[in-house]
PDB file of N, CA and C in Angstrom:
ATOM      1  N   MET A   1      39.823 -12.640  -3.824  1.00  0.00           N
ATOM      2  CA  MET A   1      38.489 -11.667  -4.922  1.00  0.00           C
ATOM      3  C   MET A   1      39.577 -10.221  -4.736  1.00  0.00           C
ATOM      4  N   SER A   2      38.888  -9.827  -6.345  1.00  0.00           N
ATOM      5  CA  SER A   2      39.317  -8.667  -6.412  1.00  0.00           C
ATOM      6  C   SER A   2      38.418  -7.199  -6.164  1.00  0.00           C
ATOM      7  N   LEU A   3      39.328  -5.737  -5.237  1.00  0.00           N
ATOM      8  CA  LEU A   3      38.121  -4.947  -4.748  1.00  0.00           C
ATOM      9  C   LEU A   3      36.678  -5.074  -6.271  1.00  0.00           C
ATOM     10  N   SER A   4      36.756  -4.851  -7.357  1.00  0.00           N
ATOM     11  CA  SER A   4      35.544  -4.760  -7.775  1.00  0.00           C
ATOM     12  C   SER A   4      34.452  -5.521  -7.779  1.00  0.00           C
ATOM     13  N   GLY A   5      35.307  -7.084  -7.136  1.00  0.00           N
ATOM     14  CA  GLY A   5      34.273  -8.023  -6.883  1.00  0.00           C
ATOM     15  C   GLY A   5      33.371  -8.045  -5.979  1.00  0.00           C
ATOM     16  N   LYS A   6      34.368  -7.485  -4.723  1.00  0.00           N
ATOM     17  CA  LYS A   6      34.118  -7.546  -3.326  1.00  0.00           C
ATOM     18  C   LYS A   6      32.554  -6.346  -3.421  1.00  0.00           C
ATOM     19  N   ILE A   7      32.867  -5.471  -3.741  1.00  0.00           N
ATOM     20  CA  ILE A   7      31.753  -3.830  -4.203  1.00  0.00           C
ATOM     21  C   ILE A   7      30.410  -4.878  -5.329  1.00  0.00           C
ATOM     22  N   GLU A   8      30.729  -5.494  -6.048  1.00  0.00           N
ATOM     23  CA  GLU A   8      29.566  -5.928  -7.117  1.00  0.00           C
ATOM     24  C   GLU A   8      29.000  -7.093  -6.137  1.00  0.00           C
ATOM     25  N   THR A   9      29.984  -8.505  -4.798  1.00  0.00           N
ATOM     26  CA  THR A   9      29.059  -8.703  -4.479  1.00  0.00           C
ATOM     27  C   THR A   9      28.480  -7.802  -3.500  1.00  0.00           C
ATOM     28  N   THR A  10      28.177  -7.132  -2.717  1.00  0.00           N
ATOM     29  CA  THR A  10      27.741  -6.589  -1.594  1.00  0.00           C
ATOM     30  C   THR A  10      26.479  -5.820  -2.463  1.00  0.00           C
ATOM     31  N   ALA A  11      26.706  -5.292  -3.295  1.00  0.00           N
ATOM     32  CA  ALA A  11      25.607  -4.428  -3.735  1.00  0.00           C
ATOM     33  C   ALA A  11      24.676  -5.259  -4.335  1.00  0.00           C
ATOM     34  N   ASN A  12      25.336  -6.375  -5.133  1.00  0.00           N
ATOM     35  CA  ASN A  12      24.078  -7.341  -4.722  1.00  0.00           C
ATOM     36  C   ASN A  12      23.754  -8.062  -3.784  1.00  0.00           C
ATOM     37  N   ALA A  13      23.909  -8.056  -2.808  1.00  0.00           N
ATOM     38  CA  ALA A  13      23.210  -8.326  -1.149  1.00  0.00           C
ATOM     39  C   ALA A  13      22.179  -7.305  -1.346  1.00  0.00           C
ATOM     40  N   ALA A  14      23.009  -5.651  -1.333  1.00  0.00           N
ATOM     41  CA  ALA A  14      22.455  -4.869  -0.333  1.00  0.00           C
ATOM     42  C   ALA A  14      21.088  -4.335  -1.607  1.00  0.00           C
ATOM     43  N   THR A  15      21.254  -5.022  -3.086  1.00  0.00           N
ATOM     44  CA  THR A  15      20.157  -5.149  -3.662  1.00  0.00           C
ATOM     45  C   THR A  15      18.776  -6.251  -3.293  1.00  0.00           C
ATOM     46  N   ILE A  16      19.440  -7.527  -3.221  1.00  0.00           N
ATOM     47  CA  ILE A  16      18.508  -8.681  -2.300  1.00  0.00           C
ATOM     48  C   ILE A  16      17.666  -8.156  -1.353  1.00  0.00           C
ATOM     49  N   VAL A  17      18.385  -7.732  -0.511  1.00  0.00           N
ATOM     50  CA  VAL A  17      17.643  -6.624   1.460  1.00  0.00           C
ATOM     51  C   VAL A  17      17.048  -5.883   0.914  1.00  0.00           C
ATOM     52  N   VAL A  18      17.207  -4.883  -0.349  1.00  0.00           N
ATOM     53  CA  VAL A  18      16.359  -3.998  -0.614  1.00  0.00           C
ATOM     54  C   VAL A  18      15.091  -4.761  -0.627  1.00  0.00           C
ATOM     55  N   ALA A  19      15.051  -5.377  -2.084  1.00  0.00           N
ATOM     56  CA  ALA A  19      13.801  -6.050  -2.322  1.00  0.00           C
ATOM     57  C   ALA A  19      12.666  -6.808  -1.296  1.00  0.00           C
ATOM     58  N   VAL A  20      13.994  -7.760  -0.960  1.00  0.00           N
ATOM     59  CA  VAL A  20      12.399  -8.095   0.539  1.00  0.00           C
ATOM     60  C   VAL A  20      12.192  -7.346   1.282  1.00  0.00           C
ATOM     61  N   LEU A  21      12.622  -6.167   1.996  1.00  0.00           N
ATOM     62  CA  LEU A  21      12.354  -5.027   2.775  1.00  0.00           C
ATOM     63  C   LEU A  21      11.296  -4.435   1.748  1.00  0.00           C
ATOM     64  N   ILE A  22      11.116  -3.905   0.967  1.00  0.00           N
ATOM     65  CA  ILE A  22      10.114  -3.691  -0.501  1.00  0.00           C
ATOM     66  C   ILE A  22       8.878  -4.959  -0.363  1.00  0.00           C
ATOM     67  N   CYS A  23       9.505  -6.097  -0.666  1.00  0.00           N
ATOM     68  CA  CYS A  23       8.307  -6.939  -1.145  1.00  0.00           C
ATOM     69  C   CYS A  23       7.330  -7.569   0.634  1.00  0.00           C
ATOM     70  N   THR A  24       8.270  -7.156   2.081  1.00  0.00           N
ATOM     71  CA  THR A  24       7.907  -7.090   3.012  1.00  0.00           C
ATOM     72  C   THR A  24       6.825  -5.411   3.519  1.00  0.00           C
ATOM     73  N   ALA A  25       7.058  -4.844   2.991  1.00  0.00           N
ATOM     74  CA  ALA A  25       5.844  -3.387   3.675  1.00  0.00           C
ATOM     75  C   ALA A  25       5.297  -3.479   2.534  1.00  0.00           C
ATOM     76  N   PHE A  26       5.433  -4.621   1.391  1.00  0.00           N
ATOM     77  CA  PHE A  26       3.969  -4.023  -0.140  1.00  0.00           C
ATOM     78  C   PHE A  26       2.601  -5.042   0.334  1.00  0.00           C
ATOM     79  N   VAL A  27       3.740  -6.357   1.188  1.00  0.00           N
ATOM     80  CA  VAL A  27       2.433  -7.517   1.758  1.00  0.00           C
ATOM     81  C   VAL A  27       1.759  -7.331   3.137  1.00  0.00           C
ATOM     82  N   LYS A  28       2.893  -6.355   4.362  1.00  0.00           N
ATOM     83  CA  LYS A  28       2.122  -5.822   5.086  1.00  0.00           C
ATOM     84  C   LYS A  28       0.856  -4.622   5.075  1.00  0.00           C
ATOM     85  N   SER A  29       1.029  -3.578   3.878  1.00  0.00           N
ATOM     86  CA  SER A  29       0.409  -2.791   3.614  1.00  0.00           C
ATOM     87  C   SER A  29      -1.208  -3.383   2.802  1.00  0.00           C
ATOM     88  N   TYR A  30      -0.477  -4.350   1.785  1.00  0.00           N
ATOM     89  CA  TYR A  30      -1.992  -4.536   0.239  1.00  0.00           C
ATOM     90  C   TYR A  30      -2.478  -5.785   0.450  1.00  0.00           C
ATOM     91  N   LEU A  31      -1.869  -6.933   1.246  1.00  0.00           N
ATOM     92  CA  LEU A  31      -1.940  -7.936   1.180  1.00  0.00           C
ATOM     93  C   LEU A  31      -3.044  -8.395   2.682  1.00  0.00           C
ATOM     94  N   LEU A  32      -2.711  -8.000   3.868  1.00  0.00           N
ATOM     95  CA  LEU A  32      -2.816  -8.688   5.072  1.00  0.00           C
ATOM     96  C   LEU A  32      -3.926  -7.374   5.747  1.00  0.00           C
ATOM     97  N   PRO A  33      -4.729  -8.482   5.940  1.00  0.00           N
ATOM     98  CA  PRO A  33      -6.132  -7.062   6.925  1.00  0.00           C
ATOM     99  C   PRO A  33      -5.540  -6.785   7.604  1.00  0.00           C
ATOM    100  N   LYS A  34      -6.330  -5.562   7.326  1.00  0.00           N
ATOM    101  CA  LYS A  34      -6.376  -4.546   8.368  1.00  0.00           C
ATOM    102  C   LYS A  34      -6.618  -4.179   9.592  1.00  0.00           C
ATOM    103  N   PRO A  35      -6.135  -4.089  10.938  1.00  0.00           N
ATOM    104  CA  PRO A  35      -6.764  -3.831  12.014  1.00  0.00           C
ATOM    105  C   PRO A  35      -7.975  -3.059  11.890  1.00  0.00           C
ATOM    106  N   VAL A  36      -9.697  -3.646  12.691  1.00  0.00           N
ATOM    107  CA  VAL A  36     -11.140  -3.252  12.432  1.00  0.00           C
ATOM    108  C   VAL A  36     -10.520  -1.839  13.835  1.00  0.00           C
ATOM    109  N   LEU A  37     -10.870  -0.814  13.565  1.00  0.00           N
ATOM    110  CA  LEU A  37     -10.964  -0.333  14.839  1.00  0.00           C
ATOM    111  C   LEU A  37     -12.907  -0.287  14.880  1.00  0.00           C
ATOM    112  N   HIS A  38     -13.235  -0.378  16.367  1.00  0.00           N
ATOM    113  CA  HIS A  38     -14.441  -0.319  16.822  1.00  0.00           C
ATOM    114  C   HIS A  38     -14.611   0.597  17.535  1.00  0.00           C
ATOM    115  N   GLN A  39     -16.264   1.022  17.186  1.00  0.00           N
ATOM    116  CA  GLN A  39     -16.606   1.827  18.249  1.00  0.00           C
ATOM    117  C   GLN A  39     -15.948   1.974  19.681  1.00  0.00           C
ATOM    118  N   PRO A  40     -16.410   2.951  20.596  1.00  0.00           N
ATOM    119  CA  PRO A  40     -15.434   2.422  21.640  1.00  0.00           C
ATOM    120  C   PRO A  40     -16.569   2.209  22.779  1.00  0.00           C
ATOM    121  N   ALA A  41     -16.526   1.246  23.582  1.00  0.00           N
ATOM    122  CA  ALA A  41     -17.160   1.320  24.408  1.00  0.00           C
ATOM    123  C   ALA A  41     -17.320   1.909  25.427  1.00  0.00           C
ATOM    124  N   VAL A  42     -18.318   2.635  26.243  1.00  0.00           N
ATOM    125  CA  VAL A  42     -18.273   3.801  27.082  1.00  0.00           C
ATOM    126  C   VAL A  42     -18.955   3.219  27.687  1.00  0.00           C
ATOM    127  N   VAL A  43     -18.881   3.121  29.582  1.00  0.00           N
ATOM    128  CA  VAL A  43     -19.268   3.410  31.286  1.00  0.00           C
ATOM    129  C   VAL A  43     -19.351   3.941  32.148  1.00  0.00           C
ATOM    130  N   SER A  44     -20.559   4.293  32.650  1.00  0.00           N
ATOM    131  CA  SER A  44     -20.381   5.473  33.190  1.00  0.00           C
ATOM    132  C   SER A  44     -20.065   4.739  34.628  1.00  0.00           C
ATOM    133  N   ALA A  45     -18.949   5.264  35.437  1.00  0.00           N
ATOM    134  CA  ALA A  45     -18.822   5.139  36.577  1.00  0.00           C
ATOM    135  C   ALA A  45     -19.362   5.200  38.208  1.00  0.00           C
ATOM    136  N   SER A  46     -20.869   5.044  37.323  1.00  0.00           N
ATOM    137  CA  SER A  46     -21.744   4.947  37.994  1.00  0.00           C
ATOM    138  C   SER A  46     -22.451   4.174  38.142  1.00  0.00           C
ATOM    139  N   GLU A  47     -22.128   3.578  37.317  1.00  0.00           N
ATOM    140  CA  GLU A  47     -23.020   2.382  36.269  1.00  0.00           C
ATOM    141  C   GLU A  47     -22.416   1.199  37.027  1.00  0.00           C
ATOM    142  N   VAL A  48     -20.462   0.986  37.003  1.00  0.00           N
ATOM    143  CA  VAL A  48     -19.675   0.497  37.550  1.00  0.00           C
ATOM    144  C   VAL A  48     -20.277  -0.414  39.335  1.00  0.00           C
ATOM    145  N   GLY A  49     -20.488   1.111  39.877  1.00  0.00           N
ATOM    146  CA  GLY A  49     -20.630   1.236  41.357  1.00  0.00           C
ATOM    147  C   GLY A  49     -19.366   1.301  42.205  1.00  0.00           C
ATOM    148  N   ARG A  50     -18.713   1.414  43.469  1.00  0.00           N
ATOM    149  CA  ARG A  50     -17.984   1.920  44.240  1.00  0.00           C
ATOM    150  C   ARG A  50     -18.082   0.144  44.740  1.00  0.00           C
ATOM    151  N   GLY A  51     -16.838  -0.747  44.159  1.00  0.00           N
ATOM    152  CA  GLY A  51     -16.796  -1.761  45.232  1.00  0.00           C
ATOM    153  C   GLY A  51     -16.949  -2.752  43.810  1.00  0.00           C
ATOM    154  N   LYS A  52     -17.299  -2.670  43.372  1.00  0.00           N
ATOM    155  CA  LYS A  52     -18.315  -3.438  42.036  1.00  0.00           C
ATOM    156  C   LYS A  52     -16.851  -4.072  41.474  1.00  0.00           C
ATOM    157  N   ASN A  53     -17.035  -5.319  41.171  1.00  0.00           N
ATOM    158  CA  ASN A  53     -15.674  -5.681  39.762  1.00  0.00           C
ATOM    159  C   ASN A  53     -16.400  -5.466  38.833  1.00  0.00           C
ATOM    160  N   VAL A  54     -15.571  -4.765  37.317  1.00  0.00           N
ATOM    161  CA  VAL A  54     -16.100  -4.368  35.586  1.00  0.00           C
ATOM    162  C   VAL A  54     -15.882  -6.330  35.644  1.00  0.00           C
ATOM    163  N   ASP A  55     -16.760  -6.700  35.306  1.00  0.00           N
ATOM    164  CA  ASP A  55     -17.327  -7.571  34.446  1.00  0.00           C
ATOM    165  C   ASP A  55     -17.828  -7.825  33.148  1.00  0.00           C
ATOM    166  N   GLY A  56     -17.800  -8.857  32.597  1.00  0.00           N
ATOM    167  CA  GLY A  56     -18.647  -8.945  31.468  1.00  0.00           C
ATOM    168  C   GLY A  56     -19.819  -8.738  31.274  1.00  0.00           C
ATOM    169  N   HIS A  57     -20.596  -9.223  32.588  1.00  0.00           N
ATOM    170  CA  HIS A  57     -22.300  -9.068  33.005  1.00  0.00           C
ATOM    171  C   HIS A  57     -22.658  -7.829  32.856  1.00  0.00           C
ATOM    172  N   LEU A  58     -21.633  -6.795  33.708  1.00  0.00           N
ATOM    173  CA  LEU A  58     -22.111  -6.207  33.914  1.00  0.00           C
ATOM    174  C   LEU A  58     -22.102  -4.812  32.469  1.00  0.00           C
ATOM    175  N   LEU A  59     -20.688  -5.084  32.194  1.00  0.00           N
ATOM    176  CA  LEU A  59     -20.757  -4.580  30.756  1.00  0.00           C
ATOM    177  C   LEU A  59     -20.983  -4.828  29.546  1.00  0.00           C
ATOM    178  N   GLY A  60     -21.522  -5.475  29.147  1.00  0.00           N
ATOM    179  CA  GLY A  60     -22.070  -6.266  28.136  1.00  0.00           C
ATOM    180  C   GLY A  60     -20.569  -6.708  27.368  1.00  0.00           C
ATOM    181  N   VAL A  61     -19.645  -6.600  27.784  1.00  0.00           N
ATOM    182  CA  VAL A  61     -18.915  -6.674  27.382  1.00  0.00           C
ATOM    183  C   VAL A  61     -18.698  -9.191  27.218  1.00  0.00           C
ATOM    184  N   ASP A  62     -18.446  -9.185  25.626  1.00  0.00           N
ATOM    185  CA  ASP A  62     -17.980 -10.728  25.882  1.00  0.00           C
ATOM    186  C   ASP A  62     -16.157 -10.836  25.746  1.00  0.00           C
ATOM    187  N   TRP A  63     -15.802 -11.184  27.347  1.00  0.00           N
ATOM    188  CA  TRP A  63     -14.422 -10.705  27.546  1.00  0.00           C
ATOM    189  C   TRP A  63     -13.471 -12.257  27.026  1.00  0.00           C
ATOM    190  N   THR A  64     -14.196 -13.219  26.467  1.00  0.00           N
ATOM    191  CA  THR A  64     -13.595 -14.426  25.601  1.00  0.00           C
ATOM    192  C   THR A  64     -13.089 -14.470  24.623  1.00  0.00           C
ATOM    193  N   LYS A  65     -14.319 -13.221  23.879  1.00  0.00           N
ATOM    194  CA  LYS A  65     -13.780 -13.196  22.178  1.00  0.00           C
ATOM    195  C   LYS A  65     -12.492 -11.352  22.007  1.00  0.00           C
ATOM    196  N   ASN A  66     -12.872 -11.515  23.223  1.00  0.00           N
ATOM    197  CA  ASN A  66     -11.812  -9.612  22.918  1.00  0.00           C
ATOM    198  C   ASN A  66     -10.298 -10.023  22.499  1.00  0.00           C
ATOM    199  N   HIS A  67     -10.036 -11.024  23.575  1.00  0.00           N
ATOM    200  CA  HIS A  67      -8.592 -11.744  23.892  1.00  0.00           C
ATOM    201  C   HIS A  67      -7.789 -10.906  24.720  1.00  0.00           C
ATOM    202  N   ARG A  68      -7.275  -9.253  23.756  1.00  0.00           N
ATOM    203  CA  ARG A  68      -6.673  -8.385  24.888  1.00  0.00           C
ATOM    204  C   ARG A  68      -7.759  -7.618  25.182  1.00  0.00           C
ATOM    205  N   THR A  69      -7.699  -6.877  26.561  1.00  0.00           N
ATOM    206  CA  THR A  69      -8.908  -5.490  26.330  1.00  0.00           C
ATOM    207  C   THR A  69      -7.909  -4.711  27.121  1.00  0.00           C
ATOM    208  N   LEU A  70      -7.936  -3.508  27.373  1.00  0.00           N
ATOM    209  CA  LEU A  70      -7.030  -2.175  27.865  1.00  0.00           C
ATOM    210  C   LEU A  70      -8.263  -1.707  28.377  1.00  0.00           C
ATOM    211  N   VAL A  71      -8.684  -1.338  29.677  1.00  0.00           N
ATOM    212  CA  VAL A  71      -9.689  -0.689  30.296  1.00  0.00           C
ATOM    213  C   VAL A  71      -8.371   0.891  30.624  1.00  0.00           C
ATOM    214  N   LEU A  72      -9.301   2.087  29.793  1.00  0.00           N
ATOM    215  CA  LEU A  72      -9.185   3.204  30.661  1.00  0.00           C
ATOM    216  C   LEU A  72     -10.111   4.243  31.464  1.00  0.00           C
ATOM    217  N   ALA A  73      -9.088   4.445  32.675  1.00  0.00           N
ATOM    218  CA  ALA A  73     -10.089   5.169  33.291  1.00  0.00           C
ATOM    219  C   ALA A  73     -10.021   6.649  33.111  1.00  0.00           C
ATOM    220  N   ILE A  74     -10.566   7.668  32.685  1.00  0.00           N
ATOM    221  CA  ILE A  74     -10.349   8.895  32.065  1.00  0.00           C
ATOM    222  C   ILE A  74     -11.757   9.613  32.291  1.00  0.00           C
ATOM    223  N   SER A  75     -11.326  10.326  32.067  1.00  0.00           N
ATOM    224  CA  SER A  75     -12.269  11.998  32.567  1.00  0.00           C
ATOM    225  C   SER A  75     -11.998  13.007  31.184  1.00  0.00           C
ATOM    226  N   THR A  76     -13.840  13.642  31.147  1.00  0.00           N
ATOM    227  CA  THR A  76     -14.007  14.553  30.131  1.00  0.00           C
ATOM    228  C   THR A  76     -13.328  16.163  30.347  1.00  0.00           C
ATOM    229  N   THR A  77     -13.468  16.064  32.581  1.00  0.00           N
ATOM    230  CA  THR A  77     -12.610  16.940  32.564  1.00  0.00           C
ATOM    231  C   THR A  77     -10.897  16.962  33.414  1.00  0.00           C
ATOM    232  N   CYS A  78     -10.376  15.819  32.645  1.00  0.00           N
ATOM    233  CA  CYS A  78      -8.850  15.617  33.328  1.00  0.00           C
ATOM    234  C   CYS A  78      -8.059  15.879  32.546  1.00  0.00           C
ATOM    235  N   HIS A  79      -7.605  17.063  32.427  1.00  0.00           N
ATOM    236  CA  HIS A  79      -6.106  18.317  31.567  1.00  0.00           C
ATOM    237  C   HIS A  79      -5.453  16.574  31.228  1.00  0.00           C
ATOM    238  N   TYR A  80      -4.865  15.753  32.016  1.00  0.00           N
ATOM    239  CA  TYR A  80      -4.060  14.731  32.162  1.00  0.00           C
ATOM    240  C   TYR A  80      -4.492  13.928  30.750  1.00  0.00           C
ATOM    241  N   CYS A  81      -6.184  13.294  30.725  1.00  0.00           N
ATOM    242  CA  CYS A  81      -6.443  12.607  29.635  1.00  0.00           C
ATOM    243  C   CYS A  81      -6.440  13.158  28.845  1.00  0.00           C
ATOM    244  N   LYS A  82      -6.678  14.928  28.388  1.00  0.00           N
ATOM    245  CA  LYS A  82      -7.291  15.427  27.032  1.00  0.00           C
ATOM    246  C   LYS A  82      -6.018  15.334  26.979  1.00  0.00           C
ATOM    247  N   ASP A  83      -4.695  15.262  27.451  1.00  0.00           N
ATOM    248  CA  ASP A  83      -3.229  15.494  27.184  1.00  0.00           C
ATOM    249  C   ASP A  83      -2.913  14.356  26.336  1.00  0.00           C
ATOM    250  N   SER A  84      -3.373  13.596  27.130  1.00  0.00           N
ATOM    251  CA  SER A  84      -3.087  11.325  26.233  1.00  0.00           C
ATOM    252  C   SER A  84      -4.106  11.220  24.866  1.00  0.00           C
ATOM    253  N   VAL A  85      -4.634  11.944  24.608  1.00  0.00           N
ATOM    254  CA  VAL A  85      -5.456  11.507  23.548  1.00  0.00           C
ATOM    255  C   VAL A  85      -4.719  11.357  22.467  1.00  0.00           C
ATOM    256  N   PRO A  86      -3.247  11.733  21.927  1.00  0.00           N
ATOM    257  CA  PRO A  86      -2.780  11.254  21.093  1.00  0.00           C
ATOM    258  C   PRO A  86      -2.023  10.074  21.302  1.00  0.00           C
ATOM    259  N   PHE A  87      -1.526   9.495  22.455  1.00  0.00           N
ATOM    260  CA  PHE A  87      -1.166   8.409  22.597  1.00  0.00           C
ATOM    261  C   PHE A  87      -2.462   6.627  22.248  1.00  0.00           C
ATOM    262  N   TYR A  88      -3.315   7.820  23.104  1.00  0.00           N
ATOM    263  CA  TYR A  88      -4.960   6.605  22.651  1.00  0.00           C
ATOM    264  C   TYR A  88      -4.684   6.240  21.243  1.00  0.00           C
ATOM    265  N   ARG A  89      -4.980   7.689  20.528  1.00  0.00           N
ATOM    266  CA  ARG A  89      -5.129   7.535  19.312  1.00  0.00           C
ATOM    267  C   ARG A  89      -4.227   6.041  18.646  1.00  0.00           C
ATOM    268  N   LYS A  90      -2.936   6.203  18.642  1.00  0.00           N
ATOM    269  CA  LYS A  90      -1.560   5.538  18.659  1.00  0.00           C
ATOM    270  C   LYS A  90      -1.829   3.848  19.149  1.00  0.00           C
ATOM    271  N   LEU A  91      -2.633   3.824  20.228  1.00  0.00           N
ATOM    272  CA  LEU A  91      -3.237   2.602  20.995  1.00  0.00           C
ATOM    273  C   LEU A  91      -4.206   1.617  19.951  1.00  0.00           C
ATOM    274  N   GLY A  92      -4.845   3.085  19.897  1.00  0.00           N
ATOM    275  CA  GLY A  92      -5.834   2.188  18.795  1.00  0.00           C
ATOM    276  C   GLY A  92      -5.943   1.097  17.953  1.00  0.00           C
ATOM    277  N   GLY A  93      -4.559   0.881  17.462  1.00  0.00           N
ATOM    278  CA  GLY A  93      -4.761   0.696  15.951  1.00  0.00           C
ATOM    279  C   GLY A  93      -3.919  -0.894  16.610  1.00  0.00           C
ATOM    280  N   ALA A  94      -3.658  -1.268  18.029  1.00  0.00           N
ATOM    281  CA  ALA A  94      -2.235  -2.234  18.571  1.00  0.00           C
ATOM    282  C   ALA A  94      -2.746  -3.523  18.093  1.00  0.00           C
ATOM    283  N   GLY A  95      -4.273  -3.582  18.064  1.00  0.00           N
ATOM    284  CA  GLY A  95      -4.324  -5.706  18.254  1.00  0.00           C
ATOM    285  C   GLY A  95      -5.773  -5.761  19.395  1.00  0.00           C
ATOM    286  N   PHE A  96      -5.499  -4.766  20.173  1.00  0.00           N
ATOM    287  CA  PHE A  96      -6.434  -4.605  21.059  1.00  0.00           C
ATOM    288  C   PHE A  96      -7.353  -3.790  21.038  1.00  0.00           C
ATOM    289  N   LYS A  97      -8.398  -4.356  21.700  1.00  0.00           N
ATOM    290  CA  LYS A  97     -10.167  -3.533  22.201  1.00  0.00           C
ATOM    291  C   LYS A  97      -9.818  -2.868  23.499  1.00  0.00           C
ATOM    292  N   MET A  98      -9.968  -1.777  23.098  1.00  0.00           N
ATOM    293  CA  MET A  98     -10.046  -0.496  24.318  1.00  0.00           C
ATOM    294  C   MET A  98     -11.496  -0.295  25.150  1.00  0.00           C
ATOM    295  N   LEU A  99     -12.065  -0.110  26.408  1.00  0.00           N
ATOM    296  CA  LEU A  99     -12.978   0.376  26.797  1.00  0.00           C
ATOM    297  C   LEU A  99     -12.766   1.451  27.858  1.00  0.00           C
ATOM    298  N   ALA A 100     -13.320   2.639  27.290  1.00  0.00           N
ATOM    299  CA  ALA A 100     -13.573   3.955  28.800  1.00  0.00           C
ATOM    300  C   ALA A 100     -14.045   3.559  29.954  1.00  0.00           C
ATOM    301  N   VAL A 101     -13.984   3.350  30.578  1.00  0.00           N
ATOM    302  CA  VAL A 101     -14.726   3.948  31.964  1.00  0.00           C
ATOM    303  C   VAL A 101     -14.676   5.121  32.462  1.00  0.00           C
ATOM    304  N   LEU A 102     -15.860   6.479  32.612  1.00  0.00           N
ATOM    305  CA  LEU A 102     -15.693   7.314  32.849  1.00  0.00           C
ATOM    306  C   LEU A 102     -16.652   8.172  34.354  1.00  0.00           C
ATOM    307  N   PRO A 103     -16.102   9.156  34.524  1.00  0.00           N
ATOM    308  CA  PRO A 103     -17.490   9.309  36.073  1.00  0.00           C
ATOM    309  C   PRO A 103     -18.991   9.997  35.265  1.00  0.00           C
ATOM    310  N   GLN A 104     -18.147  10.864  33.996  1.00  0.00           N
ATOM    311  CA  GLN A 104     -19.649  10.969  33.189  1.00  0.00           C
ATOM    312  C   GLN A 104     -20.851  10.082  32.739  1.00  0.00           C
ATOM    313  N   SER A 105     -22.145  10.960  32.039  1.00  0.00           N
ATOM    314  CA  SER A 105     -22.590   9.506  32.156  1.00  0.00           C
ATOM    315  C   SER A 105     -22.073   9.268  30.572  1.00  0.00           C
ATOM    316  N   VAL A 106     -22.900   8.396  29.919  1.00  0.00           N
ATOM    317  CA  VAL A 106     -22.338   7.350  28.474  1.00  0.00           C
ATOM    318  C   VAL A 106     -22.374   8.374  27.557  1.00  0.00           C
ATOM    319  N   LEU A 107     -24.164   9.234  27.350  1.00  0.00           N
ATOM    320  CA  LEU A 107     -23.729   9.972  26.482  1.00  0.00           C
ATOM    321  C   LEU A 107     -22.819  11.118  26.737  1.00  0.00           C
ATOM    322  N   GLU A 108     -21.907  11.720  27.710  1.00  0.00           N
ATOM    323  CA  GLU A 108     -21.160  12.624  27.315  1.00  0.00           C
ATOM    324  C   GLU A 108     -20.069  11.899  27.354  1.00  0.00           C
ATOM    325  N   GLY A 109     -19.379  10.775  27.277  1.00  0.00           N
ATOM    326  CA  GLY A 109     -18.528   9.962  27.179  1.00  0.00           C
ATOM    327  C   GLY A 109     -18.058   9.991  25.895  1.00  0.00           C
ATOM    328  N   GLN A 110     -19.421   8.855  25.398  1.00  0.00           N
ATOM    329  CA  GLN A 110     -19.224   9.074  23.810  1.00  0.00           C
ATOM    330  C   GLN A 110     -18.896  10.569  23.381  1.00  0.00           C
ATOM    331  N   GLN A 111     -19.932  10.833  23.256  1.00  0.00           N
ATOM    332  CA  GLN A 111     -19.573  12.497  22.595  1.00  0.00           C
ATOM    333  C   GLN A 111     -17.974  13.071  22.726  1.00  0.00           C
ATOM    334  N   TYR A 112     -18.139  12.518  23.974  1.00  0.00           N
ATOM    335  CA  TYR A 112     -16.239  13.386  24.460  1.00  0.00           C
ATOM    336  C   TYR A 112     -15.035  13.094  23.424  1.00  0.00           C
ATOM    337  N   LEU A 113     -15.006  11.009  23.573  1.00  0.00           N
ATOM    338  CA  LEU A 113     -14.620  10.450  22.357  1.00  0.00           C
ATOM    339  C   LEU A 113     -14.739  10.755  20.945  1.00  0.00           C
ATOM    340  N   ARG A 114     -15.905  10.432  20.871  1.00  0.00           N
ATOM    341  CA  ARG A 114     -16.343  11.022  19.152  1.00  0.00           C
ATOM    342  C   ARG A 114     -15.459  12.354  18.960  1.00  0.00           C
ATOM    343  N   ARG A 115     -15.502  13.663  19.823  1.00  0.00           N
ATOM    344  CA  ARG A 115     -14.676  14.228  19.228  1.00  0.00           C
ATOM    345  C   ARG A 115     -13.071  13.605  19.216  1.00  0.00           C
ATOM    346  N   CYS A 116     -13.296  13.527  20.370  1.00  0.00           N
ATOM    347  CA  CYS A 116     -11.381  12.915  20.205  1.00  0.00           C
ATOM    348  C   CYS A 116     -10.942  12.374  19.417  1.00  0.00           C
ATOM    349  N   ARG A 117     -11.521  11.625  18.522  1.00  0.00           N
ATOM    350  CA  ARG A 117     -11.932  10.168  17.852  1.00  0.00           C
ATOM    351  C   ARG A 117     -10.215  10.222  17.837  1.00  0.00           C
ATOM    352  N   CYS A 118     -11.029   9.491  19.144  1.00  0.00           N
ATOM    353  CA  CYS A 118      -9.903   8.341  20.066  1.00  0.00           C
ATOM    354  C   CYS A 118     -11.139   6.527  19.808  1.00  0.00           C
ATOM    355  N   ALA A 119      -9.866   5.909  20.016  1.00  0.00           N
ATOM    356  CA  ALA A 119     -10.669   4.649  19.497  1.00  0.00           C
ATOM    357  C   ALA A 119     -10.498   3.431  20.916  1.00  0.00           C
ATOM    358  N   CYS A 120     -10.655   3.787  21.909  1.00  0.00           N
ATOM    359  CA  CYS A 120     -10.779   3.151  22.944  1.00  0.00           C
ATOM    360  C   CYS A 120     -12.231   2.851  23.669  1.00  0.00           C
TER     361      CYS A 120
END
């Protein structure tokens, strides 16, 4: 096979690979359903209590329907939690539900998460 034949074959193969990648991106972006970001579930640490289990009966969460749930223990006054907000946002679209447990009141926790636009 001549050099021009090899170049043509390589170019054709590269064109096919790029076309497949573009089609895959199109299908993922426009045809597949996007994950739904749910309103955060917030639980006050005082509701959980010292030494109690965080179970579905206490929180009103049906764990069997959630499949995968990430429980975050955060505080409105913790600067590490505030610094981690971009990470929490990124986690929000990862296909699992997030539950935030805060030592503050439920109302204060909901306001904090709304301000942060955190999907937990």
